[in-house]
Amino acid sequence: MKRTVLVTGGAGFIGSNLVARLIEDGRWDVAVCDRLRDAELGKWRNIAKHPVADLVAPDALFPWLDAHAGELEAVVHMAAISSTTEQDVDLIAHTNFSLSRDLWRWCEAKGVRLIYASSAATYGDGAQGFSDADDLASLQKLRPLNAYGWSKALFDIFARREADRGRAPPQWAGLKFFNVYGPNEYHKGSMKSVVAQIWPQVRDGETVRLFKSYRPDVPHGGQQRDFVYVRDAAEVVRWLMEHPDVSGIYNLGAGEARTFRDLAEAVFRAAARPPRIEYFDMPEVIRAAYQYRTQAEMGRLRAAGYDRPLTRLEDGVANYAGRYLAKADPYR
């Protein structure tokens, strides 16, 4: 009899890619907890190609968990308010911290494994680097720049404190996702990756616009991010499912900082078009807190045993464009 894995946020971007990967693996029945909302946004399409075992409304989550506790192998908690512009901090705190805390306590009580989404937003402006040391002192030093990052950092601290006190699920792992891109992000609007945002212009031979730099040591388009293909994100979660002895908080990026110009040029290359890039003024409201470089330190995940290759930017963009963005049906 197959065991069940519940993916919260399973119709979202990262969640739906994980659902697809776990179902393809064939080892688990995969249930999804999410709100599908507007049919036109296409969020339901993210899971339409994959036979999920059950659909759970968020309001019915804990009754569903109680009813299925005996067959549940793990909860993979991807659900969150991820918008960095959301202004309702009470809503952010309830969704990103309180719900996660209650899931942790349920999993600990029932002996169910818990894997959850943290975020690179916990690192704030990056002034303290991007080390994923997960001892309590290191976690408490981080200074996120927005309420979203703060809510994720708060739960990381809660998880480590509880684990240190012996009150943890049999396996627990938090993943600090960096700049993820890939199929099934189309419902995210302005929060989509730059790849998805500029693809229509690149495809149509138009000019792409990137932010100017406001640091003398960084050229326009030279701002750097750690861009990670969503396929790798799903693969790491699947690996954790195969290694129940691995617990802790880990970075999940490609481990390489690349410029936005590199990213744009990779999209042009995938579309077989010459680069056409211009630069425009960054809004003043974000200039002071703008990050000029992120790069995941991946040593701890490697030391834990994850030895699979991570996708280079050019390869990930080519795969995303060729298999999804350029198709009439772009969903995974």
C-alpha atoms as a PDB file:
ATOM      1  CA  MET A   1       0.000   0.000   0.000  1.00  0.00           C
ATOM      2  CA  LYS A   2       1.362   3.402  -0.974  1.00  0.00           C
ATOM      3  CA  ARG A   3       1.929   5.974   1.717  1.00  0.00           C
ATOM      4  CA  THR A   4       0.539   9.494   1.259  1.00  0.00           C
ATOM      5  CA  VAL A   5       2.414  12.779   0.974  1.00  0.00           C
ATOM      6  CA  LEU A   6       0.486  16.017   1.443  1.00  0.00           C
ATOM      7  CA  VAL A   7       1.826  19.103  -0.358  1.00  0.00           C
ATOM      8  CA  THR A   8       0.392  22.372   0.913  1.00  0.00           C
ATOM      9  CA  GLY A   9       0.487  25.065  -1.751  1.00  0.00           C
ATOM     10  CA  GLY A  10       0.607  22.137  -4.145  1.00  0.00           C
ATOM     11  CA  ALA A  11      -1.087  24.029  -6.991  1.00  0.00           C
ATOM     12  CA  GLY A  12       1.386  26.891  -6.744  1.00  0.00           C
ATOM     13  CA  PHE A  13       4.647  27.336  -8.587  1.00  0.00           C
ATOM     14  CA  ILE A  14       7.206  25.284  -6.652  1.00  0.00           C
ATOM     15  CA  GLY A  15       4.524  23.105  -5.090  1.00  0.00           C
ATOM     16  CA  SER A  16       3.053  21.939  -8.413  1.00  0.00           C
ATOM     17  CA  ASN A  17       6.492  21.068  -9.785  1.00  0.00           C
ATOM     18  CA  LEU A  18       7.095  19.008  -6.667  1.00  0.00           C
ATOM     19  CA  VAL A  19       3.702  17.312  -7.015  1.00  0.00           C
ATOM     20  CA  ALA A  20       4.570  16.413 -10.610  1.00  0.00           C
ATOM     21  CA  ARG A  21       7.963  15.009  -9.585  1.00  0.00           C
ATOM     22  CA  LEU A  22       6.596  12.910  -6.725  1.00  0.00           C
ATOM     23  CA  ILE A  23       3.780  11.493  -8.842  1.00  0.00           C
ATOM     24  CA  GLU A  24       6.236  10.661 -11.633  1.00  0.00           C
ATOM     25  CA  ASP A  25       8.319   8.795  -9.061  1.00  0.00           C
ATOM     26  CA  GLY A  26       5.372   6.507  -8.366  1.00  0.00           C
ATOM     27  CA  ARG A  27       6.201   5.772  -4.751  1.00  0.00           C
ATOM     28  CA  TRP A  28       3.575   7.887  -3.011  1.00  0.00           C
ATOM     29  CA  ASP A  29      -0.013   8.979  -3.301  1.00  0.00           C
ATOM     30  CA  VAL A  30       0.194  12.773  -3.447  1.00  0.00           C
ATOM     31  CA  ALA A  31      -2.552  14.970  -1.994  1.00  0.00           C
ATOM     32  CA  VAL A  32      -2.722  18.730  -2.560  1.00  0.00           C
ATOM     33  CA  CYS A  33      -3.917  21.427  -0.188  1.00  0.00           C
ATOM     34  CA  ASP A  34      -4.413  24.776  -1.912  1.00  0.00           C
ATOM     35  CA  ARG A  35      -6.848  27.428  -3.065  1.00  0.00           C
ATOM     36  CA  LEU A  36      -7.358  27.297  -6.827  1.00  0.00           C
ATOM     37  CA  ARG A  37      -9.234  30.623  -7.069  1.00  0.00           C
ATOM     38  CA  ASP A  38      -9.854  32.222 -10.478  1.00  0.00           C
ATOM     39  CA  ALA A  39     -10.053  29.778 -13.405  1.00  0.00           C
ATOM     40  CA  GLU A  40      -8.551  32.377 -15.746  1.00  0.00           C
ATOM     41  CA  LEU A  41      -5.358  32.612 -13.728  1.00  0.00           C
ATOM     42  CA  GLY A  42      -4.749  28.992 -14.629  1.00  0.00           C
ATOM     43  CA  LYS A  43      -3.536  27.826 -11.205  1.00  0.00           C
ATOM     44  CA  TRP A  44      -5.601  24.654 -11.552  1.00  0.00           C
ATOM     45  CA  ARG A  45      -3.728  23.946 -14.778  1.00  0.00           C
ATOM     46  CA  ASN A  46      -0.530  23.559 -12.747  1.00  0.00           C
ATOM     47  CA  ILE A  47      -1.781  20.183 -11.493  1.00  0.00           C
ATOM     48  CA  ALA A  48      -4.175  19.234 -14.305  1.00  0.00           C
ATOM     49  CA  LYS A  49      -1.729  16.807 -15.953  1.00  0.00           C
ATOM     50  CA  HIS A  50      -1.065  14.824 -12.793  1.00  0.00           C
ATOM     51  CA  PRO A  51      -3.481  12.464 -10.985  1.00  0.00           C
ATOM     52  CA  VAL A  52      -3.387  13.813  -7.439  1.00  0.00           C
ATOM     53  CA  ALA A  53      -4.805  11.518  -4.777  1.00  0.00           C
ATOM     54  CA  ASP A  54      -6.903  14.176  -3.060  1.00  0.00           C
ATOM     55  CA  LEU A  55      -7.663  17.902  -3.012  1.00  0.00           C
ATOM     56  CA  VAL A  56      -7.923  19.553   0.381  1.00  0.00           C
ATOM     57  CA  ALA A  57      -9.351  23.001   1.067  1.00  0.00           C
ATOM     58  CA  PRO A  58      -7.086  25.023   3.387  1.00  0.00           C
ATOM     59  CA  ASP A  59      -9.958  25.541   5.832  1.00  0.00           C
ATOM     60  CA  ALA A  60     -10.302  21.751   6.122  1.00  0.00           C
ATOM     61  CA  LEU A  61      -6.583  21.046   6.502  1.00  0.00           C
ATOM     62  CA  PHE A  62      -6.393  19.901  10.118  1.00  0.00           C
ATOM     63  CA  PRO A  63      -9.556  17.766  10.045  1.00  0.00           C
ATOM     64  CA  TRP A  64      -8.144  16.116   6.900  1.00  0.00           C
ATOM     65  CA  LEU A  65      -4.801  15.533   8.636  1.00  0.00           C
ATOM     66  CA  ASP A  66      -6.501  13.939  11.630  1.00  0.00           C
ATOM     67  CA  ALA A  67      -8.519  11.663   9.357  1.00  0.00           C
ATOM     68  CA  HIS A  68      -5.464  10.522   7.378  1.00  0.00           C
ATOM     69  CA  ALA A  69      -2.770  10.487  10.064  1.00  0.00           C
ATOM     70  CA  GLY A  70      -2.312   6.721   9.856  1.00  0.00           C
ATOM     71  CA  GLU A  71      -1.422   6.739   6.152  1.00  0.00           C
ATOM     72  CA  LEU A  72       0.572   9.971   5.987  1.00  0.00           C
ATOM     73  CA  GLU A  73       4.296   9.724   5.329  1.00  0.00           C
ATOM     74  CA  ALA A  74       5.132  13.435   5.193  1.00  0.00           C
ATOM     75  CA  VAL A  75       3.793  16.945   4.896  1.00  0.00           C
ATOM     76  CA  VAL A  76       5.649  19.176   2.439  1.00  0.00           C
ATOM     77  CA  HIS A  77       4.625  22.694   3.409  1.00  0.00           C
ATOM     78  CA  MET A  78       5.017  25.053   0.446  1.00  0.00           C
ATOM     79  CA  ALA A  79       1.980  27.256   1.138  1.00  0.00           C
ATOM     80  CA  ALA A  80       2.806  30.876   1.986  1.00  0.00           C
ATOM     81  CA  ILE A  81       2.122  34.479   1.204  1.00  0.00           C
ATOM     82  CA  SER A  82       5.253  35.117  -0.817  1.00  0.00           C
ATOM     83  CA  SER A  83       4.551  38.608  -2.097  1.00  0.00           C
ATOM     84  CA  THR A  84       7.131  41.056  -0.778  1.00  0.00           C
ATOM     85  CA  THR A  85       4.638  43.901  -1.320  1.00  0.00           C
ATOM     86  CA  GLU A  86       1.818  42.487   0.841  1.00  0.00           C
ATOM     87  CA  GLN A  87       0.994  45.110   3.480  1.00  0.00           C
ATOM     88  CA  ASP A  88      -1.244  43.089   5.837  1.00  0.00           C
ATOM     89  CA  VAL A  89       1.368  41.859   8.308  1.00  0.00           C
ATOM     90  CA  ASP A  90      -1.243  40.103  10.455  1.00  0.00           C
ATOM     91  CA  LEU A  91      -2.196  38.016   7.414  1.00  0.00           C
ATOM     92  CA  ILE A  92       1.469  37.315   6.616  1.00  0.00           C
ATOM     93  CA  ALA A  93       2.209  36.278  10.191  1.00  0.00           C
ATOM     94  CA  HIS A  94      -0.842  34.021  10.410  1.00  0.00           C
ATOM     95  CA  THR A  95      -0.207  32.308   7.075  1.00  0.00           C
ATOM     96  CA  ASN A  96       3.582  32.050   7.152  1.00  0.00           C
ATOM     97  CA  PHE A  97       4.234  31.573  10.857  1.00  0.00           C
ATOM     98  CA  SER A  98       1.167  30.474  12.828  1.00  0.00           C
ATOM     99  CA  LEU A  99       0.007  27.862  10.313  1.00  0.00           C
ATOM    100  CA  SER A 100       3.561  26.515   9.999  1.00  0.00           C
ATOM    101  CA  ARG A 101       3.867  26.351  13.800  1.00  0.00           C
ATOM    102  CA  ASP A 102       0.592  24.409  14.071  1.00  0.00           C
ATOM    103  CA  LEU A 103       1.680  22.003  11.330  1.00  0.00           C
ATOM    104  CA  TRP A 104       4.994  21.444  13.105  1.00  0.00           C
ATOM    105  CA  ARG A 105       3.216  20.581  16.349  1.00  0.00           C
ATOM    106  CA  TRP A 106       0.773  18.249  14.579  1.00  0.00           C
ATOM    107  CA  CYS A 107       3.595  16.441  12.748  1.00  0.00           C
ATOM    108  CA  GLU A 108       5.612  16.123  15.944  1.00  0.00           C
ATOM    109  CA  ALA A 109       2.635  14.683  17.825  1.00  0.00           C
ATOM    110  CA  LYS A 110       1.733  12.212  15.062  1.00  0.00           C
ATOM    111  CA  GLY A 111       5.268  11.206  14.060  1.00  0.00           C
ATOM    112  CA  VAL A 112       4.936  12.558  10.505  1.00  0.00           C
ATOM    113  CA  ARG A 113       7.887  14.066   8.632  1.00  0.00           C
ATOM    114  CA  LEU A 114       7.796  17.784   7.753  1.00  0.00           C
ATOM    115  CA  ILE A 115       9.651  19.563   4.945  1.00  0.00           C
ATOM    116  CA  TYR A 116       8.911  23.260   4.587  1.00  0.00           C
ATOM    117  CA  ALA A 117       9.765  26.278   2.463  1.00  0.00           C
ATOM    118  CA  SER A 118      11.918  28.938   4.039  1.00  0.00           C
ATOM    119  CA  SER A 119      13.413  31.705   1.915  1.00  0.00           C
ATOM    120  CA  ALA A 120      16.597  33.558   1.028  1.00  0.00           C
ATOM    121  CA  ALA A 121      14.619  36.660   2.030  1.00  0.00           C
ATOM    122  CA  THR A 122      15.636  35.784   5.606  1.00  0.00           C
ATOM    123  CA  TYR A 123      19.142  37.079   4.760  1.00  0.00           C
ATOM    124  CA  GLY A 124      17.974  40.661   4.326  1.00  0.00           C
ATOM    125  CA  ASP A 125      20.476  42.834   2.459  1.00  0.00           C
ATOM    126  CA  GLY A 126      23.096  40.078   2.534  1.00  0.00           C
ATOM    127  CA  ALA A 127      25.495  42.110   4.653  1.00  0.00           C
ATOM    128  CA  GLN A 128      26.067  39.069   6.882  1.00  0.00           C
ATOM    129  CA  GLY A 129      26.552  36.746   3.934  1.00  0.00           C
ATOM    130  CA  PHE A 130      24.481  33.756   2.878  1.00  0.00           C
ATOM    131  CA  SER A 131      25.689  31.026   5.190  1.00  0.00           C
ATOM    132  CA  ASP A 132      22.897  28.609   6.111  1.00  0.00           C
ATOM    133  CA  ALA A 133      24.320  27.794   9.537  1.00  0.00           C
ATOM    134  CA  ASP A 134      21.176  26.756  11.396  1.00  0.00           C
ATOM    135  CA  ASP A 135      22.206  27.045  15.026  1.00  0.00           C
ATOM    136  CA  LEU A 136      19.961  29.339  17.029  1.00  0.00           C
ATOM    137  CA  ALA A 137      22.554  32.096  17.441  1.00  0.00           C
ATOM    138  CA  SER A 138      23.180  32.307  13.675  1.00  0.00           C
ATOM    139  CA  LEU A 139      19.472  32.368  12.836  1.00  0.00           C
ATOM    140  CA  GLN A 140      18.797  35.126  15.362  1.00  0.00           C
ATOM    141  CA  LYS A 141      21.444  37.395  13.807  1.00  0.00           C
ATOM    142  CA  LEU A 142      19.616  37.664  10.462  1.00  0.00           C
ATOM    143  CA  ARG A 143      17.787  40.904   9.666  1.00  0.00           C
ATOM    144  CA  PRO A 144      15.186  40.487   6.882  1.00  0.00           C
ATOM    145  CA  LEU A 145      14.105  43.592   4.985  1.00  0.00           C
ATOM    146  CA  ASN A 146      10.383  42.902   4.693  1.00  0.00           C
ATOM    147  CA  ALA A 147       7.532  41.218   6.531  1.00  0.00           C
ATOM    148  CA  TYR A 148       7.661  38.157   4.294  1.00  0.00           C
ATOM    149  CA  GLY A 149      11.336  37.523   5.080  1.00  0.00           C
ATOM    150  CA  TRP A 150      10.723  38.210   8.769  1.00  0.00           C
ATOM    151  CA  SER A 151       7.871  35.675   8.932  1.00  0.00           C
ATOM    152  CA  LYS A 152      10.080  33.001   7.374  1.00  0.00           C
ATOM    153  CA  ALA A 153      12.989  33.803   9.682  1.00  0.00           C
ATOM    154  CA  LEU A 154      10.676  33.665  12.686  1.00  0.00           C
ATOM    155  CA  PHE A 155       9.577  30.146  11.820  1.00  0.00           C
ATOM    156  CA  ASP A 156      13.170  28.991  11.204  1.00  0.00           C
ATOM    157  CA  ILE A 157      14.011  30.167  14.726  1.00  0.00           C
ATOM    158  CA  PHE A 158      10.932  28.406  16.125  1.00  0.00           C
ATOM    159  CA  ALA A 159      11.870  25.171  14.334  1.00  0.00           C
ATOM    160  CA  ARG A 160      15.458  25.189  15.588  1.00  0.00           C
ATOM    161  CA  ARG A 161      14.424  26.034  19.145  1.00  0.00           C
ATOM    162  CA  GLU A 162      11.836  23.247  19.226  1.00  0.00           C
ATOM    163  CA  ALA A 163      14.254  20.746  17.694  1.00  0.00           C
ATOM    164  CA  ASP A 164      16.912  21.673  20.247  1.00  0.00           C
ATOM    165  CA  ARG A 165      14.361  20.956  22.983  1.00  0.00           C
ATOM    166  CA  GLY A 166      13.548  17.531  21.549  1.00  0.00           C
ATOM    167  CA  ARG A 167      10.133  18.562  20.254  1.00  0.00           C
ATOM    168  CA  ALA A 168      10.397  17.914  16.514  1.00  0.00           C
ATOM    169  CA  PRO A 169       8.907  15.712  13.799  1.00  0.00           C
ATOM    170  CA  PRO A 170      10.950  12.552  13.069  1.00  0.00           C
ATOM    171  CA  GLN A 171      12.427  14.413  10.078  1.00  0.00           C
ATOM    172  CA  TRP A 172      12.254  18.166   9.592  1.00  0.00           C
ATOM    173  CA  ALA A 173      13.903  20.265   6.913  1.00  0.00           C
ATOM    174  CA  GLY A 174      13.562  23.908   5.921  1.00  0.00           C
ATOM    175  CA  LEU A 175      14.727  25.013   2.472  1.00  0.00           C
ATOM    176  CA  LYS A 176      15.851  28.594   1.854  1.00  0.00           C
ATOM    177  CA  PHE A 177      14.842  29.034  -1.776  1.00  0.00           C
ATOM    178  CA  PHE A 178      16.774  31.628  -3.753  1.00  0.00           C
ATOM    179  CA  ASN A 179      15.518  33.053  -7.106  1.00  0.00           C
ATOM    180  CA  VAL A 180      13.493  30.166  -8.511  1.00  0.00           C
ATOM    181  CA  TYR A 181      12.307  30.161 -12.129  1.00  0.00           C
ATOM    182  CA  GLY A 182      10.557  27.625 -14.324  1.00  0.00           C
ATOM    183  CA  PRO A 183       7.218  26.287 -15.555  1.00  0.00           C
ATOM    184  CA  ASN A 184       3.916  26.834 -13.736  1.00  0.00           C
ATOM    185  CA  GLU A 185       4.739  30.310 -12.438  1.00  0.00           C
ATOM    186  CA  TYR A 186       2.375  32.032 -14.867  1.00  0.00           C
ATOM    187  CA  HIS A 187      -0.297  32.870 -12.264  1.00  0.00           C
ATOM    188  CA  LYS A 188       2.141  34.930 -10.175  1.00  0.00           C
ATOM    189  CA  GLY A 189       1.759  38.189 -12.110  1.00  0.00           C
ATOM    190  CA  SER A 190       4.446  40.704 -11.168  1.00  0.00           C
ATOM    191  CA  MET A 191       6.068  38.092  -8.906  1.00  0.00           C
ATOM    192  CA  LYS A 192       6.972  35.857 -11.860  1.00  0.00           C
ATOM    193  CA  SER A 193      10.648  35.325 -12.595  1.00  0.00           C
ATOM    194  CA  VAL A 194      12.391  37.719 -14.956  1.00  0.00           C
ATOM    195  CA  VAL A 195      12.632  34.856 -17.459  1.00  0.00           C
ATOM    196  CA  ALA A 196       8.863  34.558 -17.676  1.00  0.00           C
ATOM    197  CA  GLN A 197       8.345  38.327 -17.653  1.00  0.00           C
ATOM    198  CA  ILE A 198      10.667  39.097 -20.561  1.00  0.00           C
ATOM    199  CA  TRP A 199       9.941  36.023 -22.704  1.00  0.00           C
ATOM    200  CA  PRO A 200       7.102  37.637 -24.719  1.00  0.00           C
ATOM    201  CA  GLN A 201       9.314  40.599 -25.669  1.00  0.00           C
ATOM    202  CA  VAL A 202      12.268  38.376 -26.520  1.00  0.00           C
ATOM    203  CA  ARG A 203      10.094  36.024 -28.556  1.00  0.00           C
ATOM    204  CA  ASP A 204       8.681  38.955 -30.533  1.00  0.00           C
ATOM    205  CA  GLY A 205      12.086  40.535 -31.196  1.00  0.00           C
ATOM    206  CA  GLU A 206      11.501  43.498 -28.916  1.00  0.00           C
ATOM    207  CA  THR A 207      13.869  45.270 -26.530  1.00  0.00           C
ATOM    208  CA  VAL A 208      14.116  44.071 -22.937  1.00  0.00           C
ATOM    209  CA  ARG A 209      14.412  46.626 -20.139  1.00  0.00           C
ATOM    210  CA  LEU A 210      16.468  45.995 -16.993  1.00  0.00           C
ATOM    211  CA  PHE A 211      17.122  48.189 -13.956  1.00  0.00           C
ATOM    212  CA  LYS A 212      20.011  50.609 -13.979  1.00  0.00           C
ATOM    213  CA  SER A 213      22.653  50.197 -11.300  1.00  0.00           C
ATOM    214  CA  TYR A 214      23.166  52.860  -8.646  1.00  0.00           C
ATOM    215  CA  ARG A 215      26.511  51.616  -7.421  1.00  0.00           C
ATOM    216  CA  PRO A 216      29.679  52.794  -9.170  1.00  0.00           C
ATOM    217  CA  ASP A 217      31.277  49.340  -8.912  1.00  0.00           C
ATOM    218  CA  VAL A 218      28.334  47.572 -10.574  1.00  0.00           C
ATOM    219  CA  PRO A 219      27.479  48.187 -14.255  1.00  0.00           C
ATOM    220  CA  HIS A 220      23.897  48.454 -15.448  1.00  0.00           C
ATOM    221  CA  GLY A 221      22.504  44.935 -15.585  1.00  0.00           C
ATOM    222  CA  GLY A 222      25.374  43.722 -13.413  1.00  0.00           C
ATOM    223  CA  GLN A 223      23.237  43.156 -10.332  1.00  0.00           C
ATOM    224  CA  GLN A 224      23.565  39.493  -9.381  1.00  0.00           C
ATOM    225  CA  ARG A 225      21.223  36.783  -8.172  1.00  0.00           C
ATOM    226  CA  ASP A 226      21.431  33.072  -7.538  1.00  0.00           C
ATOM    227  CA  PHE A 227      18.937  31.803 -10.126  1.00  0.00           C
ATOM    228  CA  VAL A 228      17.794  28.225  -9.454  1.00  0.00           C
ATOM    229  CA  TYR A 229      15.723  26.145 -11.850  1.00  0.00           C
ATOM    230  CA  VAL A 230      12.545  24.795 -10.257  1.00  0.00           C
ATOM    231  CA  ARG A 231      13.453  21.286 -11.437  1.00  0.00           C
ATOM    232  CA  ASP A 232      16.353  21.360  -8.958  1.00  0.00           C
ATOM    233  CA  ALA A 233      14.084  22.593  -6.174  1.00  0.00           C
ATOM    234  CA  ALA A 234      11.750  19.634  -6.699  1.00  0.00           C
ATOM    235  CA  GLU A 235      14.685  17.234  -6.917  1.00  0.00           C
ATOM    236  CA  VAL A 236      16.103  18.350  -3.569  1.00  0.00           C
ATOM    237  CA  VAL A 237      12.745  17.822  -1.855  1.00  0.00           C
ATOM    238  CA  ARG A 238      12.465  14.375  -3.433  1.00  0.00           C
ATOM    239  CA  TRP A 239      15.990  13.585  -2.200  1.00  0.00           C
ATOM    240  CA  LEU A 240      14.988  14.599   1.319  1.00  0.00           C
ATOM    241  CA  MET A 241      12.027  12.243   1.056  1.00  0.00           C
ATOM    242  CA  GLU A 242      14.514   9.472   0.299  1.00  0.00           C
ATOM    243  CA  HIS A 243      16.759  10.436   3.240  1.00  0.00           C
ATOM    244  CA  PRO A 244      14.655  10.624   6.409  1.00  0.00           C
ATOM    245  CA  ASP A 245      17.793  10.921   8.521  1.00  0.00           C
ATOM    246  CA  VAL A 246      18.567  14.418   7.161  1.00  0.00           C
ATOM    247  CA  SER A 247      17.131  17.296   9.191  1.00  0.00           C
ATOM    248  CA  GLY A 248      17.973  20.987   9.437  1.00  0.00           C
ATOM    249  CA  ILE A 249      17.718  24.237   7.477  1.00  0.00           C
ATOM    250  CA  TYR A 250      19.499  24.393   4.123  1.00  0.00           C
ATOM    251  CA  ASN A 251      20.048  26.834   1.287  1.00  0.00           C
ATOM    252  CA  LEU A 252      18.578  25.858  -2.057  1.00  0.00           C
ATOM    253  CA  GLY A 253      20.114  27.766  -4.931  1.00  0.00           C
ATOM    254  CA  ALA A 254      22.360  27.011  -7.871  1.00  0.00           C
ATOM    255  CA  GLY A 255      25.350  28.117  -5.796  1.00  0.00           C
ATOM    256  CA  GLU A 256      26.408  30.671  -8.388  1.00  0.00           C
ATOM    257  CA  ALA A 257      25.703  34.409  -8.630  1.00  0.00           C
ATOM    258  CA  ARG A 258      24.822  35.511 -12.171  1.00  0.00           C
ATOM    259  CA  THR A 259      23.917  38.939 -13.518  1.00  0.00           C
ATOM    260  CA  PHE A 260      20.537  39.995 -14.824  1.00  0.00           C
ATOM    261  CA  ARG A 261      22.274  40.700 -18.109  1.00  0.00           C
ATOM    262  CA  ASP A 262      23.459  37.065 -18.188  1.00  0.00           C
ATOM    263  CA  LEU A 263      19.867  36.020 -17.594  1.00  0.00           C
ATOM    264  CA  ALA A 264      18.461  38.224 -20.350  1.00  0.00           C
ATOM    265  CA  GLU A 265      21.114  37.082 -22.818  1.00  0.00           C
ATOM    266  CA  ALA A 266      20.296  33.457 -22.002  1.00  0.00           C
ATOM    267  CA  VAL A 267      16.642  34.113 -22.836  1.00  0.00           C
ATOM    268  CA  PHE A 268      17.589  35.753 -26.156  1.00  0.00           C
ATOM    269  CA  ARG A 269      19.851  32.805 -26.939  1.00  0.00           C
ATOM    270  CA  ALA A 270      17.050  30.336 -26.164  1.00  0.00           C
ATOM    271  CA  ALA A 271      14.821  32.244 -28.592  1.00  0.00           C
ATOM    272  CA  ALA A 272      17.585  32.363 -31.237  1.00  0.00           C
ATOM    273  CA  ARG A 273      17.485  36.165 -31.279  1.00  0.00           C
ATOM    274  CA  PRO A 274      20.269  38.759 -30.895  1.00  0.00           C
ATOM    275  CA  PRO A 275      20.267  40.534 -27.516  1.00  0.00           C
ATOM    276  CA  ARG A 276      18.388  43.841 -27.353  1.00  0.00           C
ATOM    277  CA  ILE A 277      18.676  45.283 -23.854  1.00  0.00           C
ATOM    278  CA  GLU A 278      18.229  48.773 -22.455  1.00  0.00           C
ATOM    279  CA  TYR A 279      18.280  50.074 -18.892  1.00  0.00           C
ATOM    280  CA  PHE A 280      15.760  52.226 -17.034  1.00  0.00           C
ATOM    281  CA  ASP A 281      15.595  53.990 -13.687  1.00  0.00           C
ATOM    282  CA  MET A 282      14.941  51.856 -10.650  1.00  0.00           C
ATOM    283  CA  PRO A 283      11.996  53.218  -8.604  1.00  0.00           C
ATOM    284  CA  GLU A 284      13.338  55.387  -5.806  1.00  0.00           C
ATOM    285  CA  VAL A 285      11.261  53.574  -3.208  1.00  0.00           C
ATOM    286  CA  ILE A 286      13.328  50.370  -3.603  1.00  0.00           C
ATOM    287  CA  ARG A 287      16.798  51.795  -4.280  1.00  0.00           C
ATOM    288  CA  ALA A 288      17.964  52.014  -0.678  1.00  0.00           C
ATOM    289  CA  ALA A 289      17.113  48.389   0.156  1.00  0.00           C
ATOM    290  CA  TYR A 290      17.930  46.842  -3.218  1.00  0.00           C
ATOM    291  CA  GLN A 291      20.126  43.734  -3.107  1.00  0.00           C
ATOM    292  CA  TYR A 292      23.039  43.807  -5.541  1.00  0.00           C
ATOM    293  CA  ARG A 293      24.179  40.214  -5.027  1.00  0.00           C
ATOM    294  CA  THR A 294      22.878  36.930  -3.680  1.00  0.00           C
ATOM    295  CA  GLN A 295      24.617  33.567  -3.794  1.00  0.00           C
ATOM    296  CA  ALA A 296      23.618  30.476  -1.875  1.00  0.00           C
ATOM    297  CA  GLU A 297      26.320  28.698   0.038  1.00  0.00           C
ATOM    298  CA  MET A 298      25.510  25.083  -0.780  1.00  0.00           C
ATOM    299  CA  GLY A 299      28.168  23.352   1.315  1.00  0.00           C
ATOM    300  CA  ARG A 300      25.875  22.145   4.089  1.00  0.00           C
ATOM    301  CA  LEU A 301      23.423  20.447   1.736  1.00  0.00           C
ATOM    302  CA  ARG A 302      26.367  18.835  -0.067  1.00  0.00           C
ATOM    303  CA  ALA A 303      27.825  17.716   3.262  1.00  0.00           C
ATOM    304  CA  ALA A 304      24.448  16.183   4.141  1.00  0.00           C
ATOM    305  CA  GLY A 305      24.836  13.971   1.077  1.00  0.00           C
ATOM    306  CA  TYR A 306      23.141  15.749  -1.814  1.00  0.00           C
ATOM    307  CA  ASP A 307      25.553  15.095  -4.697  1.00  0.00           C
ATOM    308  CA  ARG A 308      23.391  15.668  -7.789  1.00  0.00           C
ATOM    309  CA  PRO A 309      24.388  18.421 -10.228  1.00  0.00           C
ATOM    310  CA  LEU A 310      22.627  21.771 -10.113  1.00  0.00           C
ATOM    311  CA  THR A 311      21.435  23.303 -13.370  1.00  0.00           C
ATOM    312  CA  ARG A 312      23.503  26.082 -14.962  1.00  0.00           C
ATOM    313  CA  LEU A 313      21.577  29.219 -15.843  1.00  0.00           C
ATOM    314  CA  GLU A 314      21.913  28.827 -19.616  1.00  0.00           C
ATOM    315  CA  ASP A 315      20.811  25.198 -19.499  1.00  0.00           C
ATOM    316  CA  GLY A 316      17.835  25.922 -17.263  1.00  0.00           C
ATOM    317  CA  VAL A 317      16.639  28.842 -19.378  1.00  0.00           C
ATOM    318  CA  ALA A 318      17.004  26.804 -22.573  1.00  0.00           C
ATOM    319  CA  ASN A 319      14.988  23.952 -21.073  1.00  0.00           C
ATOM    320  CA  TYR A 320      12.305  26.305 -19.718  1.00  0.00           C
ATOM    321  CA  ALA A 321      11.955  28.167 -23.005  1.00  0.00           C
ATOM    322  CA  GLY A 322      12.128  25.153 -25.301  1.00  0.00           C
ATOM    323  CA  ARG A 323       9.903  22.762 -23.373  1.00  0.00           C
ATOM    324  CA  TYR A 324       7.404  25.198 -21.894  1.00  0.00           C
ATOM    325  CA  LEU A 325       7.408  28.918 -22.760  1.00  0.00           C
ATOM    326  CA  ALA A 326       7.571  28.344 -26.513  1.00  0.00           C
ATOM    327  CA  LYS A 327       4.755  25.776 -26.466  1.00  0.00           C
ATOM    328  CA  ALA A 328       1.033  26.359 -26.879  1.00  0.00           C
ATOM    329  CA  ASP A 329       0.614  24.462 -23.596  1.00  0.00           C
ATOM    330  CA  PRO A 330       3.376  25.763 -21.282  1.00  0.00           C
ATOM    331  CA  TYR A 331       2.365  23.799 -18.173  1.00  0.00           C
ATOM    332  CA  ARG A 332       4.396  21.013 -16.653  1.00  0.00           C
END
